[in-house]
Amino acid sequence: MTDTASNLRLRPTLESDLEFVLAAEQDENNSPYIGQWSRQQHLDTFTNPDFLHLVAENTAENRQIGYVILQDINSPDLSLQLRRIVVTEKSKGYGTEVLRQVKRLAFKQLSVHRLWLDVKSNNERARRVYLAQGFVEEGILRECVKTGECFESLIIMSLLRQEYNA
């Protein structure tokens, strides 16, 4: 088994990565839990100074395993949103390691005070990972997302700098 931590890195997404990003987003294991963006919406984040679009790579195998979108990079409140995290290979520890690297980036490099996200209430796997990584559930946005003919609720979760440092 490979060492997930030492073989994983986050790097800026390139336009050539977008086919992977769109396929990962539309994959049946991911699409029920994340928003669907067009190629242009992803491209727009590349030039928007308030976004950071990153690909997660397994460097030992030189291949993409996911991507991350961070929003509000320049927030005057030092509150950074983990807008999206997608991992294509489940149950290998990649999601946990990508999240660890996002937290390190947020608190050590970007020096934010708060890292927050929303997660669909039916996404138990992701909620368990976030809770295990120290995120706290703050509340529920009840039936705020319309998916087809249904409405879904989002759970707001966050991690503060002092919690990360503890």
N, C-alpha and C. Protein backbone atom coordinates (compact mmCIF):
# COMPACT_ATOMS: atom_id res chain seq x y z
N MET A 1 0.85 -1.19 0.00
CA MET A 1 0.00 0.00 0.00
C MET A 1 0.88 1.24 0.00
N THR A 2 0.52 2.23 -0.79
CA THR A 2 1.31 3.44 -0.87
C THR A 2 0.98 4.37 0.29
N ASP A 3 1.92 5.23 0.60
CA ASP A 3 1.72 6.24 1.63
C ASP A 3 0.94 7.39 1.02
N THR A 4 -0.34 7.46 1.32
CA THR A 4 -1.23 8.46 0.74
C THR A 4 -0.71 9.87 0.97
N ALA A 5 -0.27 10.17 2.19
CA ALA A 5 0.13 11.52 2.54
C ALA A 5 1.32 12.00 1.72
N SER A 6 2.34 11.18 1.57
CA SER A 6 3.54 11.64 0.88
C SER A 6 3.39 11.61 -0.63
N ASN A 7 2.38 10.92 -1.14
CA ASN A 7 2.20 10.80 -2.59
C ASN A 7 1.09 11.68 -3.13
N LEU A 8 0.56 12.57 -2.33
CA LEU A 8 -0.54 13.40 -2.79
C LEU A 8 -0.13 14.86 -2.73
N ARG A 9 -0.46 15.60 -3.78
CA ARG A 9 -0.19 17.03 -3.77
C ARG A 9 -1.35 17.76 -4.43
N LEU A 10 -1.51 19.02 -4.03
CA LEU A 10 -2.48 19.92 -4.65
C LEU A 10 -1.70 20.90 -5.52
N ARG A 11 -2.20 21.11 -6.72
CA ARG A 11 -1.56 22.06 -7.64
C ARG A 11 -2.65 22.83 -8.37
N PRO A 12 -2.32 24.01 -8.90
CA PRO A 12 -3.34 24.77 -9.64
C PRO A 12 -3.88 23.96 -10.83
N THR A 13 -5.17 24.04 -11.02
CA THR A 13 -5.82 23.36 -12.13
C THR A 13 -5.44 24.06 -13.44
N LEU A 14 -5.17 23.27 -14.43
CA LEU A 14 -4.87 23.79 -15.77
C LEU A 14 -6.07 23.56 -16.68
N GLU A 15 -6.14 24.32 -17.75
CA GLU A 15 -7.25 24.11 -18.68
C GLU A 15 -7.26 22.67 -19.20
N SER A 16 -6.09 22.07 -19.34
CA SER A 16 -6.00 20.68 -19.80
C SER A 16 -6.55 19.68 -18.79
N ASP A 17 -6.76 20.12 -17.54
CA ASP A 17 -7.33 19.25 -16.51
C ASP A 17 -8.86 19.24 -16.53
N LEU A 18 -9.47 20.13 -17.29
CA LEU A 18 -10.92 20.31 -17.18
C LEU A 18 -11.73 19.10 -17.62
N GLU A 19 -11.24 18.31 -18.54
CA GLU A 19 -11.98 17.09 -18.91
C GLU A 19 -12.07 16.17 -17.70
N PHE A 20 -10.96 16.03 -16.97
CA PHE A 20 -10.97 15.22 -15.75
C PHE A 20 -11.94 15.82 -14.73
N VAL A 21 -11.86 17.13 -14.52
CA VAL A 21 -12.71 17.80 -13.53
C VAL A 21 -14.19 17.58 -13.85
N LEU A 22 -14.57 17.80 -15.10
CA LEU A 22 -15.97 17.64 -15.48
C LEU A 22 -16.42 16.18 -15.36
N ALA A 23 -15.57 15.25 -15.72
CA ALA A 23 -15.91 13.83 -15.59
C ALA A 23 -16.06 13.45 -14.13
N ALA A 24 -15.19 13.96 -13.27
CA ALA A 24 -15.26 13.67 -11.83
C ALA A 24 -16.55 14.22 -11.23
N GLU A 25 -16.91 15.40 -11.65
CA GLU A 25 -18.12 16.06 -11.17
C GLU A 25 -19.37 15.29 -11.59
N GLN A 26 -19.36 14.76 -12.80
CA GLN A 26 -20.53 14.09 -13.35
C GLN A 26 -20.59 12.60 -13.02
N ASP A 27 -19.54 12.07 -12.42
CA ASP A 27 -19.51 10.66 -12.05
C ASP A 27 -20.69 10.35 -11.13
N GLU A 28 -21.30 9.19 -11.33
CA GLU A 28 -22.51 8.83 -10.55
C GLU A 28 -22.25 8.74 -9.05
N ASN A 29 -21.00 8.55 -8.63
CA ASN A 29 -20.69 8.51 -7.20
C ASN A 29 -20.53 9.90 -6.61
N ASN A 30 -20.38 10.90 -7.45
CA ASN A 30 -20.18 12.27 -6.97
C ASN A 30 -21.36 13.20 -7.28
N SER A 31 -21.97 13.04 -8.44
CA SER A 31 -22.97 14.00 -8.90
C SER A 31 -24.16 14.21 -7.95
N PRO A 32 -24.60 13.19 -7.20
CA PRO A 32 -25.73 13.47 -6.29
C PRO A 32 -25.38 14.43 -5.15
N TYR A 33 -24.07 14.64 -4.91
CA TYR A 33 -23.66 15.40 -3.74
C TYR A 33 -23.05 16.76 -4.04
N ILE A 34 -22.77 17.04 -5.30
CA ILE A 34 -22.11 18.30 -5.63
C ILE A 34 -22.81 19.01 -6.78
N GLY A 35 -22.61 20.30 -6.84
CA GLY A 35 -23.17 21.08 -7.93
C GLY A 35 -22.49 20.74 -9.24
N GLN A 36 -23.19 21.00 -10.31
CA GLN A 36 -22.66 20.72 -11.65
C GLN A 36 -22.37 22.05 -12.33
N TRP A 37 -21.13 22.24 -12.70
CA TRP A 37 -20.71 23.47 -13.37
C TRP A 37 -20.36 23.17 -14.81
N SER A 38 -20.49 24.18 -15.63
CA SER A 38 -20.06 24.08 -17.02
C SER A 38 -18.54 24.27 -17.09
N ARG A 39 -17.99 23.91 -18.21
CA ARG A 39 -16.55 24.13 -18.45
C ARG A 39 -16.22 25.61 -18.25
N GLN A 40 -17.10 26.50 -18.76
CA GLN A 40 -16.85 27.94 -18.65
C GLN A 40 -16.87 28.40 -17.20
N GLN A 41 -17.77 27.88 -16.40
CA GLN A 41 -17.81 28.26 -14.98
C GLN A 41 -16.49 27.89 -14.30
N HIS A 42 -15.97 26.71 -14.59
CA HIS A 42 -14.67 26.33 -14.02
C HIS A 42 -13.57 27.26 -14.54
N LEU A 43 -13.56 27.51 -15.85
CA LEU A 43 -12.55 28.40 -16.43
C LEU A 43 -12.59 29.78 -15.79
N ASP A 44 -13.77 30.28 -15.51
CA ASP A 44 -13.92 31.61 -14.93
C ASP A 44 -13.22 31.72 -13.57
N THR A 45 -13.16 30.62 -12.82
CA THR A 45 -12.49 30.66 -11.52
C THR A 45 -10.98 30.83 -11.67
N PHE A 46 -10.42 30.42 -12.81
CA PHE A 46 -8.97 30.51 -13.02
C PHE A 46 -8.48 31.95 -12.99
N THR A 47 -9.31 32.87 -13.46
CA THR A 47 -8.90 34.27 -13.54
C THR A 47 -9.55 35.14 -12.46
N ASN A 48 -10.39 34.55 -11.64
CA ASN A 48 -11.04 35.29 -10.56
C ASN A 48 -10.14 35.23 -9.33
N PRO A 49 -9.65 36.38 -8.87
CA PRO A 49 -8.71 36.37 -7.73
C PRO A 49 -9.33 35.91 -6.41
N ASP A 50 -10.64 35.75 -6.39
CA ASP A 50 -11.29 35.30 -5.17
C ASP A 50 -11.43 33.78 -5.10
N PHE A 51 -10.98 33.08 -6.14
CA PHE A 51 -11.07 31.62 -6.20
C PHE A 51 -9.69 31.00 -6.32
N LEU A 52 -9.61 29.78 -5.83
CA LEU A 52 -8.44 28.94 -6.03
C LEU A 52 -8.96 27.57 -6.46
N HIS A 53 -8.62 27.17 -7.68
CA HIS A 53 -9.07 25.90 -8.26
C HIS A 53 -7.85 24.99 -8.31
N LEU A 54 -7.91 23.85 -7.62
CA LEU A 54 -6.75 22.98 -7.47
C LEU A 54 -7.08 21.55 -7.88
N VAL A 55 -6.10 20.87 -8.44
CA VAL A 55 -6.21 19.44 -8.74
C VAL A 55 -5.41 18.69 -7.70
N ALA A 56 -5.96 17.58 -7.24
CA ALA A 56 -5.23 16.67 -6.33
C ALA A 56 -4.64 15.57 -7.18
N GLU A 57 -3.34 15.36 -7.01
CA GLU A 57 -2.63 14.35 -7.80
C GLU A 57 -1.98 13.31 -6.90
N ASN A 58 -1.98 12.09 -7.37
CA ASN A 58 -1.16 11.03 -6.79
C ASN A 58 0.17 11.12 -7.53
N THR A 59 1.20 11.64 -6.87
CA THR A 59 2.47 11.87 -7.56
C THR A 59 3.22 10.58 -7.86
N ALA A 60 3.01 9.55 -7.06
CA ALA A 60 3.69 8.28 -7.30
C ALA A 60 3.22 7.65 -8.60
N GLU A 61 1.95 7.87 -8.94
CA GLU A 61 1.38 7.28 -10.15
C GLU A 61 1.13 8.33 -11.23
N ASN A 62 1.48 9.59 -10.94
CA ASN A 62 1.34 10.69 -11.89
C ASN A 62 -0.07 10.75 -12.50
N ARG A 63 -1.07 10.81 -11.62
CA ARG A 63 -2.45 10.88 -12.12
C ARG A 63 -3.31 11.69 -11.16
N GLN A 64 -4.38 12.26 -11.71
CA GLN A 64 -5.31 13.06 -10.94
C GLN A 64 -6.24 12.15 -10.15
N ILE A 65 -6.54 12.57 -8.91
CA ILE A 65 -7.47 11.79 -8.09
C ILE A 65 -8.61 12.65 -7.54
N GLY A 66 -8.60 13.94 -7.88
CA GLY A 66 -9.67 14.80 -7.41
C GLY A 66 -9.38 16.26 -7.67
N TYR A 67 -10.26 17.10 -7.17
CA TYR A 67 -10.05 18.55 -7.28
C TYR A 67 -10.75 19.27 -6.15
N VAL A 68 -10.34 20.53 -5.97
CA VAL A 68 -10.82 21.37 -4.87
C VAL A 68 -11.06 22.76 -5.43
N ILE A 69 -12.13 23.39 -4.96
CA ILE A 69 -12.37 24.80 -5.26
C ILE A 69 -12.51 25.54 -3.93
N LEU A 70 -11.68 26.55 -3.75
CA LEU A 70 -11.75 27.42 -2.58
C LEU A 70 -12.27 28.77 -3.04
N GLN A 71 -13.13 29.37 -2.24
CA GLN A 71 -13.75 30.65 -2.59
C GLN A 71 -13.59 31.63 -1.44
N ASP A 72 -13.57 32.89 -1.76
CA ASP A 72 -13.41 33.99 -0.80
C ASP A 72 -11.97 34.07 -0.29
N ILE A 73 -11.03 33.86 -1.20
CA ILE A 73 -9.60 33.93 -0.87
C ILE A 73 -9.26 35.27 -0.25
N ASN A 74 -9.91 36.33 -0.70
CA ASN A 74 -9.61 37.69 -0.24
C ASN A 74 -10.64 38.23 0.75
N SER A 75 -11.32 37.35 1.44
CA SER A 75 -12.35 37.77 2.39
C SER A 75 -11.76 38.68 3.47
N PRO A 76 -12.34 39.87 3.66
CA PRO A 76 -11.86 40.75 4.75
C PRO A 76 -12.13 40.13 6.13
N ASP A 77 -13.03 39.16 6.16
CA ASP A 77 -13.35 38.49 7.43
C ASP A 77 -12.45 37.29 7.68
N LEU A 78 -11.53 37.02 6.73
CA LEU A 78 -10.62 35.86 6.83
C LEU A 78 -11.40 34.56 6.97
N SER A 79 -12.50 34.49 6.23
CA SER A 79 -13.37 33.32 6.23
C SER A 79 -13.35 32.72 4.83
N LEU A 80 -12.79 31.53 4.71
CA LEU A 80 -12.57 30.87 3.43
C LEU A 80 -13.58 29.75 3.26
N GLN A 81 -14.23 29.71 2.10
CA GLN A 81 -15.19 28.64 1.82
C GLN A 81 -14.53 27.53 1.03
N LEU A 82 -14.67 26.33 1.52
CA LEU A 82 -14.32 25.14 0.75
C LEU A 82 -15.54 24.88 -0.12
N ARG A 83 -15.51 25.42 -1.31
CA ARG A 83 -16.68 25.40 -2.20
C ARG A 83 -16.95 24.00 -2.73
N ARG A 84 -15.86 23.29 -3.03
CA ARG A 84 -16.05 21.95 -3.57
C ARG A 84 -14.80 21.12 -3.32
N ILE A 85 -15.03 19.87 -2.96
CA ILE A 85 -13.95 18.89 -2.86
C ILE A 85 -14.50 17.61 -3.48
N VAL A 86 -13.80 17.11 -4.49
CA VAL A 86 -14.24 15.91 -5.20
C VAL A 86 -13.06 14.96 -5.28
N VAL A 87 -13.28 13.74 -4.86
CA VAL A 87 -12.26 12.69 -4.95
C VAL A 87 -12.86 11.56 -5.77
N THR A 88 -12.11 11.08 -6.74
CA THR A 88 -12.64 10.08 -7.66
C THR A 88 -12.47 8.65 -7.18
N GLU A 89 -11.53 8.43 -6.28
CA GLU A 89 -11.30 7.08 -5.77
C GLU A 89 -11.66 7.05 -4.29
N LYS A 90 -12.70 6.31 -3.98
CA LYS A 90 -13.22 6.27 -2.62
C LYS A 90 -12.51 5.19 -1.79
N SER A 91 -12.55 5.38 -0.48
CA SER A 91 -12.07 4.40 0.51
C SER A 91 -10.58 4.10 0.40
N LYS A 92 -9.80 5.08 -0.05
CA LYS A 92 -8.35 4.91 -0.12
C LYS A 92 -7.62 5.93 0.75
N GLY A 93 -8.37 6.76 1.47
CA GLY A 93 -7.77 7.78 2.31
C GLY A 93 -7.46 9.08 1.59
N TYR A 94 -7.77 9.15 0.29
CA TYR A 94 -7.47 10.35 -0.46
C TYR A 94 -8.29 11.55 0.03
N GLY A 95 -9.57 11.35 0.30
CA GLY A 95 -10.41 12.46 0.75
C GLY A 95 -9.88 13.06 2.04
N THR A 96 -9.50 12.21 2.97
CA THR A 96 -8.96 12.68 4.25
C THR A 96 -7.67 13.46 4.02
N GLU A 97 -6.80 12.95 3.18
CA GLU A 97 -5.52 13.62 2.94
C GLU A 97 -5.71 14.93 2.18
N VAL A 98 -6.60 14.95 1.19
CA VAL A 98 -6.86 16.20 0.48
C VAL A 98 -7.38 17.23 1.47
N LEU A 99 -8.28 16.84 2.34
CA LEU A 99 -8.83 17.77 3.33
C LEU A 99 -7.73 18.27 4.27
N ARG A 100 -6.83 17.40 4.69
CA ARG A 100 -5.71 17.83 5.54
C ARG A 100 -4.88 18.90 4.82
N GLN A 101 -4.63 18.67 3.54
CA GLN A 101 -3.83 19.64 2.79
C GLN A 101 -4.57 20.95 2.59
N VAL A 102 -5.87 20.88 2.40
CA VAL A 102 -6.68 22.10 2.29
C VAL A 102 -6.62 22.88 3.60
N LYS A 103 -6.74 22.19 4.72
CA LYS A 103 -6.67 22.86 6.02
C LYS A 103 -5.31 23.52 6.22
N ARG A 104 -4.25 22.82 5.88
CA ARG A 104 -2.90 23.38 6.01
C ARG A 104 -2.75 24.63 5.11
N LEU A 105 -3.23 24.54 3.88
CA LEU A 105 -3.20 25.67 2.96
C LEU A 105 -3.97 26.86 3.54
N ALA A 106 -5.17 26.58 4.04
CA ALA A 106 -6.03 27.63 4.56
C ALA A 106 -5.41 28.34 5.77
N PHE A 107 -4.97 27.56 6.73
CA PHE A 107 -4.52 28.16 7.99
C PHE A 107 -3.04 28.56 8.01
N LYS A 108 -2.20 27.82 7.32
CA LYS A 108 -0.76 28.12 7.33
C LYS A 108 -0.35 29.08 6.21
N GLN A 109 -0.85 28.87 5.00
CA GLN A 109 -0.42 29.71 3.88
C GLN A 109 -1.32 30.92 3.68
N LEU A 110 -2.62 30.72 3.72
CA LEU A 110 -3.54 31.83 3.49
C LEU A 110 -3.89 32.57 4.78
N SER A 111 -3.55 32.00 5.91
CA SER A 111 -3.75 32.62 7.24
C SER A 111 -5.19 33.05 7.49
N VAL A 112 -6.13 32.19 7.14
CA VAL A 112 -7.53 32.51 7.41
C VAL A 112 -7.87 32.24 8.87
N HIS A 113 -8.96 32.80 9.30
CA HIS A 113 -9.46 32.56 10.65
C HIS A 113 -10.45 31.40 10.68
N ARG A 114 -11.20 31.24 9.58
CA ARG A 114 -12.29 30.27 9.54
C ARG A 114 -12.32 29.61 8.17
N LEU A 115 -12.43 28.29 8.17
CA LEU A 115 -12.62 27.50 6.95
C LEU A 115 -13.99 26.87 7.08
N TRP A 116 -14.85 27.10 6.09
CA TRP A 116 -16.21 26.58 6.21
C TRP A 116 -16.65 25.93 4.91
N LEU A 117 -17.71 25.16 5.02
CA LEU A 117 -18.26 24.44 3.87
C LEU A 117 -19.72 24.14 4.14
N ASP A 118 -20.40 23.75 3.07
CA ASP A 118 -21.74 23.18 3.25
C ASP A 118 -21.71 21.80 2.62
N VAL A 119 -22.48 20.91 3.20
CA VAL A 119 -22.55 19.53 2.74
C VAL A 119 -24.01 19.11 2.74
N LYS A 120 -24.41 18.41 1.70
CA LYS A 120 -25.80 17.93 1.65
C LYS A 120 -26.05 17.00 2.84
N SER A 121 -27.22 17.14 3.42
CA SER A 121 -27.54 16.39 4.64
C SER A 121 -27.52 14.88 4.43
N ASN A 122 -27.69 14.43 3.20
CA ASN A 122 -27.69 12.98 2.95
C ASN A 122 -26.29 12.45 2.58
N ASN A 123 -25.27 13.29 2.63
CA ASN A 123 -23.91 12.87 2.29
C ASN A 123 -23.17 12.45 3.57
N GLU A 124 -23.55 11.30 4.07
CA GLU A 124 -23.01 10.80 5.34
C GLU A 124 -21.50 10.57 5.29
N ARG A 125 -21.01 10.04 4.19
CA ARG A 125 -19.57 9.76 4.06
C ARG A 125 -18.77 11.05 4.26
N ALA A 126 -19.15 12.10 3.57
CA ALA A 126 -18.42 13.37 3.67
C ALA A 126 -18.56 13.95 5.07
N ARG A 127 -19.74 13.91 5.63
CA ARG A 127 -19.94 14.45 6.99
C ARG A 127 -19.03 13.75 7.98
N ARG A 128 -18.88 12.45 7.88
CA ARG A 128 -17.99 11.71 8.79
C ARG A 128 -16.54 12.16 8.64
N VAL A 129 -16.12 12.36 7.40
CA VAL A 129 -14.74 12.82 7.16
C VAL A 129 -14.55 14.21 7.77
N TYR A 130 -15.48 15.12 7.52
CA TYR A 130 -15.36 16.48 8.04
C TYR A 130 -15.34 16.48 9.57
N LEU A 131 -16.23 15.73 10.19
CA LEU A 131 -16.26 15.66 11.65
C LEU A 131 -14.96 15.08 12.21
N ALA A 132 -14.45 14.04 11.57
CA ALA A 132 -13.20 13.42 12.02
C ALA A 132 -12.02 14.38 11.87
N GLN A 133 -12.12 15.34 10.95
CA GLN A 133 -11.06 16.32 10.72
C GLN A 133 -11.27 17.60 11.54
N GLY A 134 -12.20 17.56 12.50
CA GLY A 134 -12.36 18.67 13.43
C GLY A 134 -13.41 19.70 13.08
N PHE A 135 -14.10 19.54 11.96
CA PHE A 135 -15.15 20.49 11.61
C PHE A 135 -16.33 20.34 12.56
N VAL A 136 -16.99 21.45 12.81
CA VAL A 136 -18.13 21.51 13.71
C VAL A 136 -19.37 21.85 12.89
N GLU A 137 -20.46 21.13 13.16
CA GLU A 137 -21.72 21.45 12.49
C GLU A 137 -22.32 22.69 13.13
N GLU A 138 -22.58 23.70 12.31
CA GLU A 138 -23.10 24.97 12.82
C GLU A 138 -24.60 25.10 12.69
N GLY A 139 -25.17 24.46 11.68
CA GLY A 139 -26.60 24.59 11.47
C GLY A 139 -27.02 23.99 10.15
N ILE A 140 -28.30 24.08 9.89
CA ILE A 140 -28.87 23.49 8.68
C ILE A 140 -29.61 24.57 7.89
N LEU A 141 -29.34 24.60 6.60
CA LEU A 141 -30.13 25.41 5.68
C LEU A 141 -31.18 24.46 5.12
N ARG A 142 -32.37 24.55 5.65
CA ARG A 142 -33.41 23.58 5.33
C ARG A 142 -33.92 23.75 3.91
N GLU A 143 -33.93 22.63 3.18
CA GLU A 143 -34.49 22.55 1.83
C GLU A 143 -34.15 23.78 0.99
N CYS A 144 -32.88 24.10 0.91
CA CYS A 144 -32.44 25.32 0.21
C CYS A 144 -31.92 25.06 -1.20
N VAL A 145 -31.76 23.79 -1.57
CA VAL A 145 -31.25 23.44 -2.89
C VAL A 145 -32.31 22.62 -3.63
N LYS A 146 -32.68 23.09 -4.82
CA LYS A 146 -33.66 22.35 -5.61
C LYS A 146 -32.92 21.43 -6.56
N THR A 147 -33.19 20.15 -6.44
CA THR A 147 -32.59 19.13 -7.30
C THR A 147 -33.73 18.39 -7.97
N GLY A 148 -33.90 18.65 -9.26
CA GLY A 148 -35.05 18.07 -9.95
C GLY A 148 -36.32 18.62 -9.36
N GLU A 149 -37.15 17.72 -8.87
CA GLU A 149 -38.42 18.12 -8.24
C GLU A 149 -38.33 18.13 -6.72
N CYS A 150 -37.17 17.81 -6.17
CA CYS A 150 -36.98 17.72 -4.71
C CYS A 150 -36.18 18.90 -4.19
N PHE A 151 -36.30 19.12 -2.90
CA PHE A 151 -35.49 20.11 -2.20
C PHE A 151 -34.59 19.39 -1.22
N GLU A 152 -33.34 19.84 -1.14
CA GLU A 152 -32.38 19.22 -0.24
C GLU A 152 -31.86 20.25 0.75
N SER A 153 -31.48 19.76 1.92
CA SER A 153 -30.94 20.62 2.97
C SER A 153 -29.42 20.56 2.97
N LEU A 154 -28.81 21.66 3.39
CA LEU A 154 -27.36 21.73 3.52
C LEU A 154 -26.99 21.93 4.99
N ILE A 155 -25.95 21.26 5.41
CA ILE A 155 -25.40 21.43 6.75
C ILE A 155 -24.17 22.31 6.63
N ILE A 156 -24.13 23.38 7.40
CA ILE A 156 -22.98 24.28 7.43
C ILE A 156 -22.01 23.76 8.49
N MET A 157 -20.75 23.62 8.09
CA MET A 157 -19.70 23.14 9.00
C MET A 157 -18.52 24.09 8.91
N SER A 158 -17.77 24.21 10.00
CA SER A 158 -16.60 25.08 9.96
C SER A 158 -15.52 24.58 10.90
N LEU A 159 -14.35 25.12 10.67
CA LEU A 159 -13.19 24.87 11.52
C LEU A 159 -12.51 26.21 11.71
N LEU A 160 -12.25 26.58 12.96
CA LEU A 160 -11.60 27.84 13.28
C LEU A 160 -10.10 27.63 13.45
N ARG A 161 -9.34 28.70 13.28
CA ARG A 161 -7.89 28.62 13.40
C ARG A 161 -7.46 28.01 14.74
N GLN A 162 -8.07 28.45 15.84
CA GLN A 162 -7.66 27.93 17.14
C GLN A 162 -7.98 26.43 17.28
N GLU A 163 -9.01 25.97 16.61
CA GLU A 163 -9.33 24.53 16.62
C GLU A 163 -8.31 23.77 15.79
N TYR A 164 -7.90 24.34 14.67
CA TYR A 164 -6.89 23.71 13.83
C TYR A 164 -5.56 23.61 14.58
N ASN A 165 -5.20 24.68 15.29
CA ASN A 165 -3.92 24.72 16.00
C ASN A 165 -3.90 23.83 17.24
N ALA A 166 -5.07 23.50 17.76
CA ALA A 166 -5.14 22.73 19.03
C ALA A 166 -4.66 21.30 18.85
